[in-house]
Amino acid sequence: MTEGHVIVIGGAEDKVRERVILARFIKLAGGHDARIAVISTASSLGPLAGEMYRRVFTELGASEVHPIHTINRAQCSDPIAVGTVREATGIFLTGGNQLRLSSTIGGTPLAHAITRRHREGAVVAGTSAGASAMSTHMVAFGASGATPKQRMVQMAAGLGILPGVIVDQHF
């Protein structure tokens, strides 16, 4: 069994013009045969973020795009959401608040389905908060603009897609 690709996007990826990174994600997920799960839990836009990515990924050629927006841990056990991820060839984690993402999803059947599908070969991509959550230990928040010093960054548990790596996207 071969692990899938991982795409870590710092944030503010091009969703309108060339869409190079997002097009590569769709290609790696199977092109026209791609089955994409968009997890928008981190986003303050809620389901609107998932719908925006549904439009973009459909325009890029994916045949199936399924937004999933969980707002509490109980929803992360929903058989439909978990089944959608289990069938996905590509999983995309939107931006927003990475602490909301990890505290809502972490350790749930939905999180286990994400890591399992990655181990089975699905490509997993995340932008901004979704990028941070890829690591086992992620940057949760910290002071910006200050001279770096000890204990100015707070860490939290991530999803563990990239063990041994810390992603600091745009603090």
C-alpha atoms as a PDB file:
ATOM      1  CA  MET A   1       0.000   0.000   0.000  1.00  0.00           C
ATOM      2  CA  THR A   2       1.381   3.418  -1.007  1.00  0.00           C
ATOM      3  CA  GLU A   3       0.504   6.631   0.796  1.00  0.00           C
ATOM      4  CA  GLY A   4      -1.092   9.345  -1.279  1.00  0.00           C
ATOM      5  CA  HIS A   5       0.407  12.700  -2.082  1.00  0.00           C
ATOM      6  CA  VAL A   6       0.143  15.613   0.332  1.00  0.00           C
ATOM      7  CA  ILE A   7      -0.291  19.195  -0.878  1.00  0.00           C
ATOM      8  CA  VAL A   8       0.351  21.889   1.719  1.00  0.00           C
ATOM      9  CA  ILE A   9      -0.833  25.335   0.589  1.00  0.00           C
ATOM     10  CA  GLY A  10       0.124  28.379   2.667  1.00  0.00           C
ATOM     11  CA  GLY A  11      -3.157  30.151   1.986  1.00  0.00           C
ATOM     12  CA  ALA A  12      -4.861  32.474  -0.493  1.00  0.00           C
ATOM     13  CA  GLU A  13      -4.372  29.973  -3.328  1.00  0.00           C
ATOM     14  CA  ASP A  14      -5.468  31.041  -6.803  1.00  0.00           C
ATOM     15  CA  LYS A  15      -9.089  29.945  -7.202  1.00  0.00           C
ATOM     16  CA  VAL A  16      -9.864  32.190 -10.190  1.00  0.00           C
ATOM     17  CA  ARG A  17      -7.111  32.475 -12.812  1.00  0.00           C
ATOM     18  CA  GLU A  18      -4.573  29.722 -13.536  1.00  0.00           C
ATOM     19  CA  ARG A  19      -5.492  27.584 -10.499  1.00  0.00           C
ATOM     20  CA  VAL A  20      -2.245  25.621 -10.951  1.00  0.00           C
ATOM     21  CA  ILE A  21      -2.141  24.102  -7.461  1.00  0.00           C
ATOM     22  CA  LEU A  22      -5.825  23.197  -7.358  1.00  0.00           C
ATOM     23  CA  ALA A  23      -5.635  21.720 -10.878  1.00  0.00           C
ATOM     24  CA  ARG A  24      -2.689  19.571  -9.770  1.00  0.00           C
ATOM     25  CA  PHE A  25      -4.735  18.366  -6.786  1.00  0.00           C
ATOM     26  CA  ILE A  26      -7.556  17.273  -9.119  1.00  0.00           C
ATOM     27  CA  LYS A  27      -5.092  15.561 -11.474  1.00  0.00           C
ATOM     28  CA  LEU A  28      -3.478  13.630  -8.599  1.00  0.00           C
ATOM     29  CA  ALA A  29      -6.955  12.662  -7.325  1.00  0.00           C
ATOM     30  CA  GLY A  30      -7.864  11.069 -10.663  1.00  0.00           C
ATOM     31  CA  GLY A  31      -8.812  13.911 -13.009  1.00  0.00           C
ATOM     32  CA  HIS A  32     -12.287  13.377 -14.416  1.00  0.00           C
ATOM     33  CA  ASP A  33     -12.705  10.281 -12.197  1.00  0.00           C
ATOM     34  CA  ALA A  34     -11.785  12.204  -9.028  1.00  0.00           C
ATOM     35  CA  ARG A  35     -14.093  11.856  -6.036  1.00  0.00           C
ATOM     36  CA  ILE A  36     -13.344  14.850  -3.817  1.00  0.00           C
ATOM     37  CA  ALA A  37     -14.361  15.404  -0.177  1.00  0.00           C
ATOM     38  CA  VAL A  38     -14.066  19.069   0.840  1.00  0.00           C
ATOM     39  CA  ILE A  39     -13.902  19.518   4.605  1.00  0.00           C
ATOM     40  CA  SER A  40     -14.772  23.111   5.507  1.00  0.00           C
ATOM     41  CA  THR A  41     -14.948  22.711   9.294  1.00  0.00           C
ATOM     42  CA  ALA A  42     -12.185  25.300   9.836  1.00  0.00           C
ATOM     43  CA  SER A  43     -13.949  27.993   7.803  1.00  0.00           C
ATOM     44  CA  SER A  44     -16.056  30.745   9.336  1.00  0.00           C
ATOM     45  CA  LEU A  45     -17.938  30.805   6.007  1.00  0.00           C
ATOM     46  CA  GLY A  46     -19.381  27.415   6.923  1.00  0.00           C
ATOM     47  CA  PRO A  47     -20.978  25.450   4.099  1.00  0.00           C
ATOM     48  CA  LEU A  48     -20.375  28.347   1.668  1.00  0.00           C
ATOM     49  CA  ALA A  49     -16.652  27.481   1.645  1.00  0.00           C
ATOM     50  CA  GLY A  50     -17.424  23.903   0.641  1.00  0.00           C
ATOM     51  CA  GLU A  51     -19.775  25.072  -2.109  1.00  0.00           C
ATOM     52  CA  MET A  52     -17.142  27.468  -3.473  1.00  0.00           C
ATOM     53  CA  TYR A  53     -14.612  24.626  -3.714  1.00  0.00           C
ATOM     54  CA  ARG A  54     -17.289  22.374  -5.236  1.00  0.00           C
ATOM     55  CA  ARG A  55     -17.669  24.892  -8.062  1.00  0.00           C
ATOM     56  CA  VAL A  56     -13.904  25.290  -8.554  1.00  0.00           C
ATOM     57  CA  PHE A  57     -13.131  21.551  -8.494  1.00  0.00           C
ATOM     58  CA  THR A  58     -16.052  20.779 -10.840  1.00  0.00           C
ATOM     59  CA  GLU A  59     -14.766  23.432 -13.267  1.00  0.00           C
ATOM     60  CA  LEU A  60     -11.341  21.759 -13.042  1.00  0.00           C
ATOM     61  CA  GLY A  61     -12.884  18.463 -14.176  1.00  0.00           C
ATOM     62  CA  ALA A  62     -13.690  16.454 -11.029  1.00  0.00           C
ATOM     63  CA  SER A  63     -16.808  14.346 -11.548  1.00  0.00           C
ATOM     64  CA  GLU A  64     -17.813  14.235  -7.863  1.00  0.00           C
ATOM     65  CA  VAL A  65     -17.255  16.902  -5.211  1.00  0.00           C
ATOM     66  CA  HIS A  66     -18.868  16.483  -1.784  1.00  0.00           C
ATOM     67  CA  PRO A  67     -18.607  19.308   0.780  1.00  0.00           C
ATOM     68  CA  ILE A  68     -18.603  18.233   4.441  1.00  0.00           C
ATOM     69  CA  HIS A  69     -19.072  20.885   7.118  1.00  0.00           C
ATOM     70  CA  THR A  70     -19.044  19.507  10.644  1.00  0.00           C
ATOM     71  CA  ILE A  71     -19.610  21.933  13.498  1.00  0.00           C
ATOM     72  CA  ASN A  72     -19.399  19.501  16.397  1.00  0.00           C
ATOM     73  CA  ARG A  73     -17.724  16.199  17.217  1.00  0.00           C
ATOM     74  CA  ALA A  74     -20.962  14.198  17.020  1.00  0.00           C
ATOM     75  CA  GLN A  75     -21.311  15.129  13.331  1.00  0.00           C
ATOM     76  CA  CYS A  76     -17.847  13.652  12.740  1.00  0.00           C
ATOM     77  CA  SER A  77     -19.363  10.225  13.379  1.00  0.00           C
ATOM     78  CA  ASP A  78     -22.069  10.669  10.739  1.00  0.00           C
ATOM     79  CA  PRO A  79     -21.956   7.559   8.521  1.00  0.00           C
ATOM     80  CA  ILE A  80     -22.615   9.593   5.357  1.00  0.00           C
ATOM     81  CA  ALA A  81     -19.718  12.009   6.014  1.00  0.00           C
ATOM     82  CA  VAL A  82     -17.362   9.178   7.002  1.00  0.00           C
ATOM     83  CA  GLY A  83     -18.457   7.120   3.983  1.00  0.00           C
ATOM     84  CA  THR A  84     -17.864  10.069   1.666  1.00  0.00           C
ATOM     85  CA  VAL A  85     -14.270  10.351   2.912  1.00  0.00           C
ATOM     86  CA  ARG A  86     -13.767   6.571   2.699  1.00  0.00           C
ATOM     87  CA  GLU A  87     -14.718   6.701  -1.004  1.00  0.00           C
ATOM     88  CA  ALA A  88     -12.735   9.856  -1.811  1.00  0.00           C
ATOM     89  CA  THR A  89      -9.705   9.882  -4.080  1.00  0.00           C
ATOM     90  CA  GLY A  90      -8.902  13.408  -2.890  1.00  0.00           C
ATOM     91  CA  ILE A  91      -9.549  15.149   0.431  1.00  0.00           C
ATOM     92  CA  PHE A  92      -9.303  18.938   0.680  1.00  0.00           C
ATOM     93  CA  LEU A  93      -9.192  20.813   4.009  1.00  0.00           C
ATOM     94  CA  THR A  94     -10.146  24.476   3.702  1.00  0.00           C
ATOM     95  CA  GLY A  95      -8.657  27.430   5.516  1.00  0.00           C
ATOM     96  CA  GLY A  96     -10.056  29.110   8.598  1.00  0.00           C
ATOM     97  CA  ASN A  97      -9.245  28.318  12.215  1.00  0.00           C
ATOM     98  CA  GLN A  98      -6.985  25.279  12.625  1.00  0.00           C
ATOM     99  CA  LEU A  99      -7.858  24.910  16.307  1.00  0.00           C
ATOM    100  CA  ARG A 100     -11.555  24.653  15.363  1.00  0.00           C
ATOM    101  CA  LEU A 101     -10.638  22.047  12.743  1.00  0.00           C
ATOM    102  CA  SER A 102      -8.482  19.886  15.012  1.00  0.00           C
ATOM    103  CA  SER A 103     -10.691  20.147  18.105  1.00  0.00           C
ATOM    104  CA  THR A 104     -13.830  19.277  16.121  1.00  0.00           C
ATOM    105  CA  ILE A 105     -12.414  16.497  13.952  1.00  0.00           C
ATOM    106  CA  GLY A 106      -9.361  15.150  15.802  1.00  0.00           C
ATOM    107  CA  GLY A 107      -9.742  11.584  17.081  1.00  0.00           C
ATOM    108  CA  THR A 108     -13.165  11.074  15.475  1.00  0.00           C
ATOM    109  CA  PRO A 109     -14.221   8.521  12.846  1.00  0.00           C
ATOM    110  CA  LEU A 110     -13.970  11.321  10.247  1.00  0.00           C
ATOM    111  CA  ALA A 111     -10.322  11.996  11.172  1.00  0.00           C
ATOM    112  CA  HIS A 112      -9.541   8.280  11.117  1.00  0.00           C
ATOM    113  CA  ALA A 113     -11.135   8.010   7.657  1.00  0.00           C
ATOM    114  CA  ILE A 114      -8.956  10.885   6.389  1.00  0.00           C
ATOM    115  CA  THR A 115      -5.704   9.343   7.621  1.00  0.00           C
ATOM    116  CA  ARG A 116      -6.710   5.865   6.440  1.00  0.00           C
ATOM    117  CA  ARG A 117      -7.586   7.074   2.929  1.00  0.00           C
ATOM    118  CA  HIS A 118      -4.241   8.883   2.769  1.00  0.00           C
ATOM    119  CA  ARG A 119      -2.430   5.664   3.735  1.00  0.00           C
ATOM    120  CA  GLU A 120      -4.424   3.869   1.026  1.00  0.00           C
ATOM    121  CA  GLY A 121      -3.351   6.341  -1.671  1.00  0.00           C
ATOM    122  CA  ALA A 122      -5.767   9.279  -1.638  1.00  0.00           C
ATOM    123  CA  VAL A 123      -4.235  12.721  -2.083  1.00  0.00           C
ATOM    124  CA  VAL A 124      -4.807  15.064   0.872  1.00  0.00           C
ATOM    125  CA  ALA A 125      -4.499  18.824   0.437  1.00  0.00           C
ATOM    126  CA  GLY A 126      -5.000  21.685   2.837  1.00  0.00           C
ATOM    127  CA  THR A 127      -4.822  25.433   2.604  1.00  0.00           C
ATOM    128  CA  SER A 128      -3.973  27.748   5.514  1.00  0.00           C
ATOM    129  CA  ALA A 129      -5.613  26.101   8.561  1.00  0.00           C
ATOM    130  CA  GLY A 130      -5.993  22.904   6.547  1.00  0.00           C
ATOM    131  CA  ALA A 131      -2.246  23.011   5.869  1.00  0.00           C
ATOM    132  CA  SER A 132      -1.386  23.463   9.554  1.00  0.00           C
ATOM    133  CA  ALA A 133      -3.593  20.553  10.569  1.00  0.00           C
ATOM    134  CA  MET A 134      -1.554  18.130   8.411  1.00  0.00           C
ATOM    135  CA  SER A 135       1.104  17.722  11.101  1.00  0.00           C
ATOM    136  CA  THR A 136       0.867  15.664  14.277  1.00  0.00           C
ATOM    137  CA  HIS A 137       1.655  18.744  16.356  1.00  0.00           C
ATOM    138  CA  MET A 138       0.464  21.961  14.766  1.00  0.00           C
ATOM    139  CA  VAL A 139       0.853  25.654  15.392  1.00  0.00           C
ATOM    140  CA  ALA A 140      -2.461  26.676  16.977  1.00  0.00           C
ATOM    141  CA  PHE A 141      -1.858  30.398  17.430  1.00  0.00           C
ATOM    142  CA  GLY A 142       0.828  32.887  18.317  1.00  0.00           C
ATOM    143  CA  ALA A 143       1.848  36.528  18.365  1.00  0.00           C
ATOM    144  CA  SER A 144       2.517  38.105  14.986  1.00  0.00           C
ATOM    145  CA  GLY A 145       4.998  40.804  14.137  1.00  0.00           C
ATOM    146  CA  ALA A 146       7.037  40.287  17.290  1.00  0.00           C
ATOM    147  CA  THR A 147      10.648  39.212  17.496  1.00  0.00           C
ATOM    148  CA  PRO A 148      10.582  35.428  17.900  1.00  0.00           C
ATOM    149  CA  LYS A 149      11.107  34.285  21.475  1.00  0.00           C
ATOM    150  CA  GLN A 150      10.470  31.237  23.585  1.00  0.00           C
ATOM    151  CA  ARG A 151       6.822  30.283  24.253  1.00  0.00           C
ATOM    152  CA  MET A 152       5.276  32.825  21.873  1.00  0.00           C
ATOM    153  CA  VAL A 153       3.675  30.067  19.782  1.00  0.00           C
ATOM    154  CA  GLN A 154       1.014  27.714  21.127  1.00  0.00           C
ATOM    155  CA  MET A 155       0.866  24.154  19.802  1.00  0.00           C
ATOM    156  CA  ALA A 156      -2.067  21.736  19.562  1.00  0.00           C
ATOM    157  CA  ALA A 157      -2.736  18.274  18.155  1.00  0.00           C
ATOM    158  CA  GLY A 158      -3.101  18.064  14.381  1.00  0.00           C
ATOM    159  CA  LEU A 159      -4.387  15.239  12.185  1.00  0.00           C
ATOM    160  CA  GLY A 160      -1.024  13.463  11.855  1.00  0.00           C
ATOM    161  CA  ILE A 161      -0.853  13.198   8.055  1.00  0.00           C
ATOM    162  CA  LEU A 162       2.733  14.534   8.196  1.00  0.00           C
ATOM    163  CA  PRO A 163       4.399  13.215  11.377  1.00  0.00           C
ATOM    164  CA  GLY A 164       7.673  14.885  12.262  1.00  0.00           C
ATOM    165  CA  VAL A 165       6.772  18.065  10.342  1.00  0.00           C
ATOM    166  CA  ILE A 166       5.410  21.393  11.573  1.00  0.00           C
ATOM    167  CA  VAL A 167       3.622  23.632   9.077  1.00  0.00           C
ATOM    168  CA  ASP A 168       3.734  27.378   9.838  1.00  0.00           C
ATOM    169  CA  GLN A 169       1.727  28.851   6.994  1.00  0.00           C
ATOM    170  CA  HIS A 170       1.289  32.591   7.528  1.00  0.00           C
ATOM    171  CA  PHE A 171       1.616  33.668  11.120  1.00  0.00           C
END
